[in-house]
Amino acid sequence: MFYEPDKKNHGLPRDPFKSLVVPRPIGWISTLDEQGRPNLAPYSFFNAVASDPPCVMFAAGLRPKSPELKDSHRNAEKTGEFVVNLATYDLRLQMNQSSAPVEAGVNEFETSGLETLPSSFVKPPRVKGSPVHLECKYLQTVEMPSWEAGRGNYVIFGRVIGIHIDDTVITEDGFVDVTRFRPISRLGYMEYAVVNEVFSLDRPK
């Protein structure tokens, strides 16, 4: 089949685009607002975008039925900091609960039954139980096109200045073993995937 996204002429029950660019890692973003209140939310449009130095991005629209920025976006811009926590299979229910549309200022750590850990270089807390945390300094926001006026599509970039890795996911020979912590990723619709096995390919010489 072929369709034009702007015309939405795919003829399927739901737009398949999000089911094609998969799997997408989940950026579980923790921030503090200007009053120092914690916020936690998952973003499936997330990825690493550079390695020298390491930089990441997450994409956010506006709050549901509101012209206001989402809390993670606003907090990152206002305070200049955020943390990416790795969402794993063991934390899948808490991750999902933290996506609930609640009022600004609500502490999703509490509503999701999660404990916090202090960060080393930034003020936002980390998710206790997550095996990987990326402490980030906000870099910039890029506004993307939007089909609907006033809807808002933004990409928020940050530079990683501190990385926490749980020792249990590092092998005896010093490599990170992804199957030990089983990160989850977003597919299309309401579907997710978990990493249970990997394979290797040597680059051609």
N, C-alpha and C. Protein backbone atom coordinates (compact mmCIF):
# COMPACT_ATOMS: atom_id res chain seq x y z
N MET A 1 0.83 -1.19 0.00
CA MET A 1 0.00 0.00 0.00
C MET A 1 0.87 1.25 0.00
N PHE A 2 0.29 2.34 -0.33
CA PHE A 2 0.95 3.65 -0.31
C PHE A 2 -0.07 4.68 0.14
N TYR A 3 0.37 5.60 1.00
CA TYR A 3 -0.52 6.69 1.38
C TYR A 3 0.29 7.94 1.67
N GLU A 4 -0.39 9.08 1.63
CA GLU A 4 0.22 10.36 1.91
C GLU A 4 -0.20 10.80 3.31
N PRO A 5 0.77 10.93 4.23
CA PRO A 5 0.41 11.28 5.61
C PRO A 5 -0.43 12.54 5.72
N ASP A 6 -0.15 13.56 4.91
CA ASP A 6 -0.92 14.80 5.00
C ASP A 6 -2.38 14.61 4.61
N LYS A 7 -2.64 13.62 3.74
CA LYS A 7 -4.01 13.35 3.31
C LYS A 7 -4.70 12.30 4.19
N LYS A 8 -3.91 11.59 5.00
CA LYS A 8 -4.46 10.55 5.89
C LYS A 8 -5.32 9.55 5.11
N ASN A 9 -4.84 9.18 3.93
CA ASN A 9 -5.64 8.32 3.04
C ASN A 9 -5.15 6.87 3.08
N HIS A 10 -4.78 6.38 4.26
CA HIS A 10 -4.29 5.01 4.38
C HIS A 10 -5.41 3.98 4.38
N GLY A 11 -6.63 4.39 4.72
CA GLY A 11 -7.77 3.48 4.70
C GLY A 11 -7.76 2.43 5.79
N LEU A 12 -6.91 2.57 6.78
CA LEU A 12 -6.82 1.60 7.88
C LEU A 12 -7.54 2.14 9.12
N PRO A 13 -7.86 1.27 10.08
CA PRO A 13 -8.57 1.73 11.28
C PRO A 13 -7.82 2.82 12.04
N ARG A 14 -6.47 2.72 12.05
CA ARG A 14 -5.65 3.72 12.73
C ARG A 14 -4.41 3.99 11.90
N ASP A 15 -3.88 5.19 12.01
CA ASP A 15 -2.68 5.58 11.27
C ASP A 15 -1.54 4.62 11.63
N PRO A 16 -0.92 3.97 10.62
CA PRO A 16 0.11 2.97 10.91
C PRO A 16 1.50 3.54 11.16
N PHE A 17 1.69 4.84 11.03
CA PHE A 17 3.05 5.40 11.10
C PHE A 17 3.80 4.98 12.36
N LYS A 18 3.14 5.10 13.52
CA LYS A 18 3.82 4.76 14.77
C LYS A 18 4.12 3.28 14.89
N SER A 19 3.50 2.46 14.06
CA SER A 19 3.76 1.02 14.08
C SER A 19 4.88 0.63 13.13
N LEU A 20 5.41 1.60 12.40
CA LEU A 20 6.45 1.31 11.42
C LEU A 20 7.83 1.69 11.93
N VAL A 21 7.95 2.81 12.58
CA VAL A 21 9.24 3.24 13.13
C VAL A 21 9.34 2.67 14.55
N VAL A 22 9.72 1.39 14.61
CA VAL A 22 9.71 0.65 15.87
C VAL A 22 10.92 -0.28 15.95
N PRO A 23 11.29 -0.69 17.15
CA PRO A 23 10.77 -0.22 18.44
C PRO A 23 11.40 1.11 18.81
N ARG A 24 10.69 1.90 19.59
CA ARG A 24 11.20 3.20 20.02
C ARG A 24 11.51 3.13 21.52
N PRO A 25 12.74 3.46 21.92
CA PRO A 25 13.05 3.44 23.35
C PRO A 25 12.19 4.47 24.09
N ILE A 26 11.97 4.22 25.35
CA ILE A 26 11.13 5.11 26.16
C ILE A 26 12.02 5.96 27.06
N GLY A 27 11.90 7.26 26.89
CA GLY A 27 12.59 8.18 27.78
C GLY A 27 11.69 8.52 28.96
N TRP A 28 12.02 8.00 30.12
CA TRP A 28 11.22 8.23 31.32
C TRP A 28 11.82 9.44 32.01
N ILE A 29 11.24 10.60 31.77
CA ILE A 29 11.87 11.88 32.10
C ILE A 29 11.44 12.37 33.48
N SER A 30 12.41 12.61 34.34
CA SER A 30 12.12 13.22 35.64
C SER A 30 12.66 14.65 35.66
N THR A 31 11.85 15.55 36.21
CA THR A 31 12.21 16.96 36.30
C THR A 31 11.71 17.52 37.63
N LEU A 32 12.09 18.76 37.90
CA LEU A 32 11.53 19.54 38.99
C LEU A 32 10.94 20.81 38.42
N ASP A 33 9.80 21.25 38.95
CA ASP A 33 9.27 22.53 38.50
C ASP A 33 9.96 23.65 39.28
N GLU A 34 9.58 24.89 39.01
CA GLU A 34 10.26 26.02 39.64
C GLU A 34 10.02 26.09 41.15
N GLN A 35 8.98 25.38 41.61
CA GLN A 35 8.72 25.30 43.05
C GLN A 35 9.42 24.11 43.70
N GLY A 36 10.17 23.34 42.89
CA GLY A 36 10.88 22.19 43.42
C GLY A 36 10.06 20.93 43.52
N ARG A 37 8.88 20.90 42.85
CA ARG A 37 8.02 19.72 42.91
C ARG A 37 8.42 18.72 41.83
N PRO A 38 8.58 17.42 42.16
CA PRO A 38 9.01 16.42 41.19
C PRO A 38 7.92 16.11 40.15
N ASN A 39 8.37 15.77 38.96
CA ASN A 39 7.48 15.33 37.89
C ASN A 39 8.15 14.17 37.18
N LEU A 40 7.34 13.21 36.73
CA LEU A 40 7.87 12.04 36.03
C LEU A 40 6.90 11.64 34.93
N ALA A 41 7.40 11.45 33.71
CA ALA A 41 6.53 11.08 32.58
C ALA A 41 7.33 10.34 31.51
N PRO A 42 6.72 9.33 30.85
CA PRO A 42 7.40 8.59 29.79
C PRO A 42 7.14 9.22 28.41
N TYR A 43 8.16 9.19 27.57
CA TYR A 43 8.05 9.71 26.21
C TYR A 43 8.60 8.67 25.24
N SER A 44 7.76 8.24 24.29
CA SER A 44 8.19 7.20 23.36
C SER A 44 8.85 7.78 22.11
N PHE A 45 8.74 9.08 21.90
CA PHE A 45 9.56 9.72 20.88
C PHE A 45 10.79 10.26 21.60
N PHE A 46 11.77 9.37 21.73
CA PHE A 46 12.98 9.63 22.51
C PHE A 46 14.13 8.86 21.88
N ASN A 47 15.33 9.44 21.96
CA ASN A 47 16.49 8.68 21.50
C ASN A 47 17.78 9.44 21.81
N ALA A 48 18.90 8.72 21.67
CA ALA A 48 20.21 9.36 21.68
C ALA A 48 20.45 9.96 20.30
N VAL A 49 21.03 11.15 20.25
CA VAL A 49 21.24 11.82 18.96
C VAL A 49 22.70 12.14 18.70
N ALA A 50 23.58 11.93 19.68
CA ALA A 50 25.01 12.18 19.50
C ALA A 50 25.75 11.44 20.60
N SER A 51 27.05 11.20 20.37
CA SER A 51 27.84 10.48 21.37
C SER A 51 29.10 11.22 21.79
N ASP A 52 29.43 12.31 21.12
CA ASP A 52 30.70 12.98 21.39
C ASP A 52 30.52 14.49 21.41
N PRO A 53 29.94 15.08 22.47
CA PRO A 53 29.53 14.46 23.72
C PRO A 53 28.15 13.81 23.58
N PRO A 54 27.77 12.93 24.52
CA PRO A 54 26.47 12.27 24.43
C PRO A 54 25.33 13.29 24.62
N CYS A 55 24.35 13.22 23.72
CA CYS A 55 23.17 14.08 23.78
C CYS A 55 21.93 13.24 23.49
N VAL A 56 20.81 13.63 24.06
CA VAL A 56 19.55 12.92 23.88
C VAL A 56 18.45 13.91 23.53
N MET A 57 17.32 13.38 23.09
CA MET A 57 16.16 14.20 22.81
C MET A 57 14.90 13.48 23.25
N PHE A 58 13.87 14.27 23.59
CA PHE A 58 12.53 13.71 23.71
C PHE A 58 11.57 14.71 23.09
N ALA A 59 10.49 14.18 22.52
CA ALA A 59 9.53 15.03 21.81
C ALA A 59 8.22 15.09 22.58
N ALA A 60 7.66 16.28 22.67
CA ALA A 60 6.43 16.48 23.44
C ALA A 60 5.48 17.41 22.70
N GLY A 61 4.20 17.09 22.81
CA GLY A 61 3.17 17.99 22.33
C GLY A 61 2.74 18.89 23.47
N LEU A 62 1.49 19.34 23.42
CA LEU A 62 0.93 20.15 24.50
C LEU A 62 0.13 19.26 25.45
N ARG A 63 -0.23 19.79 26.60
CA ARG A 63 -1.08 19.05 27.53
C ARG A 63 -2.41 18.76 26.86
N PRO A 64 -3.06 17.62 27.17
CA PRO A 64 -4.33 17.27 26.53
C PRO A 64 -5.38 18.37 26.67
N LYS A 65 -5.95 18.78 25.54
CA LYS A 65 -7.03 19.77 25.51
C LYS A 65 -6.62 21.06 26.20
N SER A 66 -5.36 21.46 25.98
CA SER A 66 -4.85 22.65 26.64
C SER A 66 -3.77 23.29 25.77
N PRO A 67 -3.63 24.62 25.84
CA PRO A 67 -2.54 25.28 25.11
C PRO A 67 -1.23 25.30 25.88
N GLU A 68 -1.19 24.64 27.05
CA GLU A 68 -0.01 24.69 27.91
C GLU A 68 1.01 23.60 27.54
N LEU A 69 2.28 23.91 27.75
CA LEU A 69 3.34 22.93 27.54
C LEU A 69 3.19 21.79 28.54
N LYS A 70 3.65 20.60 28.13
CA LYS A 70 3.69 19.49 29.09
C LYS A 70 4.73 19.81 30.17
N ASP A 71 4.51 19.21 31.34
CA ASP A 71 5.34 19.54 32.50
C ASP A 71 6.82 19.26 32.25
N SER A 72 7.15 18.12 31.66
CA SER A 72 8.55 17.76 31.43
C SER A 72 9.23 18.80 30.55
N HIS A 73 8.55 19.21 29.50
CA HIS A 73 9.07 20.21 28.56
C HIS A 73 9.29 21.54 29.28
N ARG A 74 8.26 22.01 29.94
CA ARG A 74 8.36 23.30 30.62
C ARG A 74 9.43 23.29 31.70
N ASN A 75 9.44 22.23 32.51
CA ASN A 75 10.40 22.16 33.61
C ASN A 75 11.84 22.11 33.10
N ALA A 76 12.08 21.35 32.03
CA ALA A 76 13.44 21.26 31.48
C ALA A 76 13.91 22.63 31.02
N GLU A 77 13.03 23.37 30.36
CA GLU A 77 13.40 24.70 29.88
C GLU A 77 13.61 25.67 31.03
N LYS A 78 12.72 25.65 32.01
CA LYS A 78 12.77 26.63 33.10
C LYS A 78 13.95 26.39 34.05
N THR A 79 14.23 25.11 34.33
CA THR A 79 15.28 24.80 35.30
C THR A 79 16.61 24.43 34.65
N GLY A 80 16.56 24.04 33.36
CA GLY A 80 17.79 23.69 32.65
C GLY A 80 18.30 22.29 32.93
N GLU A 81 17.43 21.43 33.50
CA GLU A 81 17.88 20.09 33.87
C GLU A 81 16.79 19.06 33.70
N PHE A 82 17.17 17.82 33.42
CA PHE A 82 16.26 16.69 33.48
C PHE A 82 17.06 15.40 33.57
N VAL A 83 16.39 14.32 33.94
CA VAL A 83 17.02 13.00 34.03
C VAL A 83 16.23 12.03 33.17
N VAL A 84 16.93 11.21 32.40
CA VAL A 84 16.31 10.10 31.67
C VAL A 84 16.52 8.84 32.49
N ASN A 85 15.43 8.21 32.89
CA ASN A 85 15.47 6.94 33.61
C ASN A 85 15.07 5.82 32.65
N LEU A 86 15.76 4.71 32.71
CA LEU A 86 15.43 3.62 31.80
C LEU A 86 14.21 2.86 32.29
N ALA A 87 13.21 2.71 31.42
CA ALA A 87 12.02 1.93 31.76
C ALA A 87 12.28 0.46 31.41
N THR A 88 12.05 -0.42 32.36
CA THR A 88 12.30 -1.84 32.17
C THR A 88 11.00 -2.63 32.31
N TYR A 89 11.08 -3.91 31.95
CA TYR A 89 9.90 -4.76 32.05
C TYR A 89 9.39 -4.82 33.49
N ASP A 90 10.29 -4.88 34.45
CA ASP A 90 9.88 -4.95 35.85
C ASP A 90 9.17 -3.68 36.31
N LEU A 91 9.42 -2.57 35.62
CA LEU A 91 8.81 -1.28 36.00
C LEU A 91 7.72 -0.85 35.02
N ARG A 92 7.24 -1.78 34.20
CA ARG A 92 6.31 -1.42 33.14
C ARG A 92 5.00 -0.84 33.67
N LEU A 93 4.49 -1.38 34.77
CA LEU A 93 3.21 -0.89 35.30
C LEU A 93 3.37 0.51 35.89
N GLN A 94 4.46 0.75 36.59
CA GLN A 94 4.71 2.07 37.14
C GLN A 94 4.94 3.10 36.02
N MET A 95 5.65 2.68 34.98
CA MET A 95 5.87 3.57 33.84
C MET A 95 4.54 3.97 33.23
N ASN A 96 3.66 3.00 33.04
CA ASN A 96 2.36 3.28 32.44
C ASN A 96 1.53 4.19 33.33
N GLN A 97 1.55 3.94 34.64
CA GLN A 97 0.79 4.76 35.57
C GLN A 97 1.28 6.22 35.55
N SER A 98 2.57 6.41 35.36
CA SER A 98 3.12 7.76 35.37
C SER A 98 2.72 8.57 34.15
N SER A 99 2.09 7.92 33.16
CA SER A 99 1.64 8.63 31.96
C SER A 99 0.23 9.20 32.12
N ALA A 100 -0.41 8.97 33.27
CA ALA A 100 -1.78 9.45 33.48
C ALA A 100 -1.83 10.97 33.39
N PRO A 101 -2.88 11.52 32.74
CA PRO A 101 -3.01 12.98 32.61
C PRO A 101 -3.49 13.59 33.92
N VAL A 102 -2.56 14.15 34.69
CA VAL A 102 -2.89 14.74 35.98
C VAL A 102 -2.56 16.23 35.95
N GLU A 103 -3.01 16.94 36.96
CA GLU A 103 -2.76 18.37 37.04
C GLU A 103 -1.27 18.67 37.25
N ALA A 104 -0.84 19.83 36.78
CA ALA A 104 0.53 20.25 37.02
C ALA A 104 0.80 20.30 38.51
N GLY A 105 1.98 19.86 38.91
CA GLY A 105 2.35 19.87 40.32
C GLY A 105 2.13 18.55 41.02
N VAL A 106 1.38 17.63 40.39
CA VAL A 106 1.18 16.30 40.98
C VAL A 106 2.49 15.51 40.89
N ASN A 107 2.85 14.84 41.95
CA ASN A 107 4.08 14.07 42.01
C ASN A 107 3.82 12.65 41.50
N GLU A 108 4.25 12.35 40.27
CA GLU A 108 4.01 11.03 39.68
C GLU A 108 4.85 9.94 40.33
N PHE A 109 5.91 10.29 41.02
CA PHE A 109 6.64 9.27 41.78
C PHE A 109 5.70 8.68 42.83
N GLU A 110 4.95 9.55 43.49
CA GLU A 110 4.04 9.09 44.53
C GLU A 110 2.84 8.35 43.94
N THR A 111 2.23 8.89 42.91
CA THR A 111 1.04 8.26 42.33
C THR A 111 1.36 6.94 41.65
N SER A 112 2.63 6.72 41.29
CA SER A 112 3.03 5.47 40.64
C SER A 112 3.69 4.50 41.60
N GLY A 113 3.79 4.88 42.87
CA GLY A 113 4.38 3.99 43.86
C GLY A 113 5.87 3.80 43.71
N LEU A 114 6.57 4.86 43.32
CA LEU A 114 8.00 4.78 43.08
C LEU A 114 8.79 5.55 44.14
N GLU A 115 9.98 5.06 44.43
CA GLU A 115 10.89 5.78 45.32
C GLU A 115 11.92 6.52 44.47
N THR A 116 12.56 7.50 45.09
CA THR A 116 13.53 8.31 44.37
C THR A 116 14.95 8.07 44.88
N LEU A 117 15.90 8.45 44.04
CA LEU A 117 17.31 8.49 44.41
C LEU A 117 17.83 9.88 44.05
N PRO A 118 18.77 10.41 44.83
CA PRO A 118 19.33 11.72 44.47
C PRO A 118 20.24 11.60 43.25
N SER A 119 20.30 12.65 42.48
CA SER A 119 21.22 12.70 41.34
C SER A 119 22.55 13.28 41.80
N SER A 120 23.56 13.17 40.96
CA SER A 120 24.90 13.63 41.31
C SER A 120 25.16 15.07 40.90
N PHE A 121 24.70 15.46 39.69
CA PHE A 121 25.01 16.78 39.16
C PHE A 121 23.80 17.67 38.93
N VAL A 122 22.60 17.09 38.92
CA VAL A 122 21.39 17.87 38.68
C VAL A 122 20.43 17.67 39.85
N LYS A 123 19.43 18.54 39.93
CA LYS A 123 18.50 18.49 41.06
C LYS A 123 17.37 17.49 40.90
N PRO A 124 16.84 17.23 39.69
CA PRO A 124 15.74 16.26 39.58
C PRO A 124 16.15 14.89 40.12
N PRO A 125 15.23 14.20 40.81
CA PRO A 125 15.56 12.88 41.35
C PRO A 125 15.55 11.80 40.28
N ARG A 126 16.15 10.67 40.63
CA ARG A 126 16.16 9.51 39.75
C ARG A 126 15.13 8.49 40.24
N VAL A 127 14.73 7.59 39.35
CA VAL A 127 13.79 6.52 39.70
C VAL A 127 14.56 5.37 40.34
N LYS A 128 14.27 5.10 41.61
CA LYS A 128 14.89 3.96 42.26
C LYS A 128 14.37 2.66 41.63
N GLY A 129 15.27 1.76 41.31
CA GLY A 129 14.89 0.52 40.65
C GLY A 129 15.22 0.51 39.18
N SER A 130 15.33 1.68 38.58
CA SER A 130 15.77 1.75 37.19
C SER A 130 17.28 1.51 37.15
N PRO A 131 17.76 0.67 36.22
CA PRO A 131 19.17 0.33 36.20
C PRO A 131 20.07 1.35 35.52
N VAL A 132 19.47 2.30 34.81
CA VAL A 132 20.26 3.30 34.08
C VAL A 132 19.60 4.66 34.23
N HIS A 133 20.43 5.68 34.52
CA HIS A 133 19.96 7.06 34.59
C HIS A 133 20.93 7.95 33.84
N LEU A 134 20.39 8.87 33.06
CA LEU A 134 21.19 9.85 32.34
C LEU A 134 20.87 11.24 32.89
N GLU A 135 21.81 11.85 33.57
CA GLU A 135 21.60 13.20 34.08
C GLU A 135 21.92 14.19 32.95
N CYS A 136 20.99 15.10 32.69
CA CYS A 136 21.11 15.95 31.51
C CYS A 136 20.98 17.44 31.83
N LYS A 137 21.74 18.23 31.08
CA LYS A 137 21.58 19.67 31.06
C LYS A 137 20.83 20.05 29.77
N TYR A 138 19.80 20.85 29.93
CA TYR A 138 18.99 21.27 28.79
C TYR A 138 19.83 22.05 27.78
N LEU A 139 19.66 21.74 26.49
CA LEU A 139 20.38 22.43 25.43
C LEU A 139 19.48 23.40 24.66
N GLN A 140 18.43 22.88 24.04
CA GLN A 140 17.57 23.72 23.23
C GLN A 140 16.28 22.99 22.89
N THR A 141 15.29 23.74 22.43
CA THR A 141 14.02 23.19 21.96
C THR A 141 13.82 23.59 20.51
N VAL A 142 13.41 22.64 19.71
CA VAL A 142 13.10 22.89 18.30
C VAL A 142 11.62 22.64 18.09
N GLU A 143 10.91 23.63 17.55
CA GLU A 143 9.49 23.46 17.26
C GLU A 143 9.32 22.82 15.88
N MET A 144 8.52 21.78 15.81
CA MET A 144 8.28 21.05 14.58
C MET A 144 6.94 21.46 13.98
N PRO A 145 6.69 21.10 12.70
CA PRO A 145 5.39 21.42 12.10
C PRO A 145 4.25 20.72 12.81
N SER A 146 3.05 21.25 12.68
CA SER A 146 1.87 20.64 13.28
C SER A 146 0.71 20.75 12.31
N TRP A 147 -0.08 19.66 12.19
CA TRP A 147 -1.25 19.69 11.32
C TRP A 147 -2.31 20.65 11.85
N GLU A 148 -2.41 20.74 13.17
CA GLU A 148 -3.44 21.56 13.78
C GLU A 148 -2.82 22.80 14.42
N ALA A 149 -3.37 23.96 14.09
CA ALA A 149 -2.86 25.20 14.65
C ALA A 149 -3.00 25.18 16.17
N GLY A 150 -1.92 25.55 16.84
CA GLY A 150 -1.95 25.61 18.30
C GLY A 150 -1.75 24.29 19.00
N ARG A 151 -1.53 23.21 18.23
CA ARG A 151 -1.35 21.90 18.87
C ARG A 151 0.03 21.77 19.49
N GLY A 152 1.05 22.22 18.75
CA GLY A 152 2.40 22.21 19.28
C GLY A 152 3.11 20.87 19.16
N ASN A 153 4.25 20.86 18.50
CA ASN A 153 5.13 19.70 18.43
C ASN A 153 6.54 20.19 18.71
N TYR A 154 7.16 19.70 19.76
CA TYR A 154 8.46 20.20 20.17
C TYR A 154 9.44 19.06 20.41
N VAL A 155 10.70 19.30 20.09
CA VAL A 155 11.78 18.36 20.40
C VAL A 155 12.72 19.05 21.37
N ILE A 156 12.94 18.42 22.53
CA ILE A 156 13.76 18.99 23.59
C ILE A 156 15.07 18.22 23.64
N PHE A 157 16.18 18.95 23.53
CA PHE A 157 17.50 18.33 23.51
C PHE A 157 18.24 18.58 24.81
N GLY A 158 19.01 17.59 25.24
CA GLY A 158 19.83 17.74 26.44
C GLY A 158 21.18 17.08 26.27
N ARG A 159 22.16 17.62 26.97
CA ARG A 159 23.50 17.03 26.98
C ARG A 159 23.66 16.17 28.23
N VAL A 160 24.10 14.95 28.04
CA VAL A 160 24.27 14.02 29.16
C VAL A 160 25.57 14.35 29.88
N ILE A 161 25.45 14.68 31.17
CA ILE A 161 26.64 15.06 31.94
C ILE A 161 26.97 14.05 33.04
N GLY A 162 26.08 13.09 33.25
CA GLY A 162 26.34 12.05 34.25
C GLY A 162 25.54 10.81 33.93
N ILE A 163 26.17 9.64 34.04
CA ILE A 163 25.52 8.37 33.69
C ILE A 163 25.67 7.40 34.86
N HIS A 164 24.52 6.87 35.33
CA HIS A 164 24.52 5.84 36.37
C HIS A 164 24.15 4.50 35.73
N ILE A 165 24.94 3.46 36.00
CA ILE A 165 24.65 2.11 35.50
C ILE A 165 24.72 1.16 36.70
N ASP A 166 23.66 0.39 36.91
CA ASP A 166 23.66 -0.59 37.99
C ASP A 166 24.72 -1.66 37.70
N ASP A 167 25.54 -1.95 38.70
CA ASP A 167 26.64 -2.91 38.51
C ASP A 167 26.15 -4.28 38.08
N THR A 168 24.90 -4.64 38.41
CA THR A 168 24.41 -5.97 38.10
C THR A 168 24.21 -6.20 36.60
N VAL A 169 24.16 -5.12 35.81
CA VAL A 169 23.94 -5.30 34.37
C VAL A 169 25.25 -5.26 33.59
N ILE A 170 26.37 -5.16 34.30
CA ILE A 170 27.67 -5.16 33.65
C ILE A 170 28.29 -6.55 33.81
N THR A 171 28.72 -7.13 32.71
CA THR A 171 29.27 -8.48 32.73
C THR A 171 30.67 -8.49 33.35
N GLU A 172 31.16 -9.70 33.61
CA GLU A 172 32.47 -9.87 34.22
C GLU A 172 33.59 -9.31 33.35
N ASP A 173 33.37 -9.29 32.01
CA ASP A 173 34.39 -8.76 31.12
C ASP A 173 34.16 -7.29 30.77
N GLY A 174 33.22 -6.64 31.49
CA GLY A 174 33.10 -5.20 31.38
C GLY A 174 32.14 -4.65 30.35
N PHE A 175 31.20 -5.47 29.87
CA PHE A 175 30.22 -5.00 28.88
C PHE A 175 28.82 -4.93 29.51
N VAL A 176 28.02 -3.98 29.03
CA VAL A 176 26.63 -3.90 29.48
C VAL A 176 25.84 -5.01 28.80
N ASP A 177 25.12 -5.81 29.58
CA ASP A 177 24.29 -6.90 29.05
C ASP A 177 22.83 -6.47 29.11
N VAL A 178 22.28 -6.12 27.96
CA VAL A 178 20.92 -5.59 27.90
C VAL A 178 19.89 -6.62 28.35
N THR A 179 20.19 -7.89 28.20
CA THR A 179 19.22 -8.92 28.60
C THR A 179 19.12 -9.06 30.11
N ARG A 180 20.03 -8.46 30.85
CA ARG A 180 19.97 -8.53 32.30
C ARG A 180 18.95 -7.54 32.88
N PHE A 181 18.68 -6.46 32.14
CA PHE A 181 17.72 -5.49 32.69
C PHE A 181 16.48 -5.32 31.83
N ARG A 182 16.43 -5.89 30.65
CA ARG A 182 15.23 -6.01 29.84
C ARG A 182 14.48 -4.68 29.66
N PRO A 183 15.09 -3.72 28.96
CA PRO A 183 14.39 -2.47 28.71
C PRO A 183 13.18 -2.69 27.82
N ILE A 184 12.15 -1.87 28.02
CA ILE A 184 10.96 -1.96 27.18
C ILE A 184 10.96 -0.81 26.18
N SER A 185 10.24 -1.02 25.09
CA SER A 185 10.15 -0.01 24.05
C SER A 185 8.71 0.08 23.56
N ARG A 186 8.40 1.17 22.90
CA ARG A 186 7.05 1.40 22.41
C ARG A 186 6.94 0.93 20.97
N LEU A 187 5.86 0.25 20.67
CA LEU A 187 5.52 -0.11 19.30
C LEU A 187 4.36 0.79 18.88
N GLY A 188 3.50 0.34 18.00
CA GLY A 188 2.35 1.13 17.63
C GLY A 188 1.18 0.84 18.55
N TYR A 189 0.12 1.65 18.38
CA TYR A 189 -1.11 1.44 19.14
C TYR A 189 -0.80 1.41 20.64
N MET A 190 -1.27 0.42 21.38
CA MET A 190 -0.97 0.30 22.81
C MET A 190 0.01 -0.84 23.08
N GLU A 191 0.86 -1.14 22.12
CA GLU A 191 1.76 -2.29 22.22
C GLU A 191 3.18 -1.87 22.60
N TYR A 192 3.83 -2.77 23.33
CA TYR A 192 5.20 -2.56 23.76
C TYR A 192 6.02 -3.82 23.44
N ALA A 193 7.33 -3.69 23.52
CA ALA A 193 8.22 -4.83 23.32
C ALA A 193 9.28 -4.80 24.42
N VAL A 194 9.87 -5.98 24.67
CA VAL A 194 10.93 -6.08 25.67
C VAL A 194 12.12 -6.77 25.03
N VAL A 195 13.34 -6.34 25.40
CA VAL A 195 14.55 -6.94 24.86
C VAL A 195 14.91 -8.16 25.70
N ASN A 196 14.81 -9.34 25.09
CA ASN A 196 15.16 -10.58 25.76
C ASN A 196 16.37 -11.27 25.14
N GLU A 197 16.67 -10.96 23.89
CA GLU A 197 17.82 -11.58 23.24
C GLU A 197 18.43 -10.62 22.24
N VAL A 198 19.70 -10.80 21.97
CA VAL A 198 20.42 -9.94 21.04
C VAL A 198 21.26 -10.82 20.10
N PHE A 199 21.71 -10.23 19.01
CA PHE A 199 22.66 -10.91 18.13
C PHE A 199 23.69 -9.90 17.67
N SER A 200 24.83 -10.37 17.21
CA SER A 200 25.94 -9.51 16.80
C SER A 200 26.24 -9.67 15.32
N LEU A 201 26.70 -8.59 14.72
CA LEU A 201 27.19 -8.61 13.35
C LEU A 201 28.47 -7.77 13.30
N ASP A 202 29.53 -8.33 12.80
CA ASP A 202 30.76 -7.56 12.63
C ASP A 202 30.66 -6.65 11.42
N ARG A 203 31.17 -5.44 11.54
CA ARG A 203 31.15 -4.52 10.40
C ARG A 203 32.09 -5.02 9.31
N PRO A 204 31.72 -4.80 8.05
CA PRO A 204 32.63 -5.21 6.97
C PRO A 204 33.92 -4.39 6.99
N LYS A 205 35.00 -5.03 6.60
CA LYS A 205 36.30 -4.37 6.58
C LYS A 205 36.70 -4.00 5.16
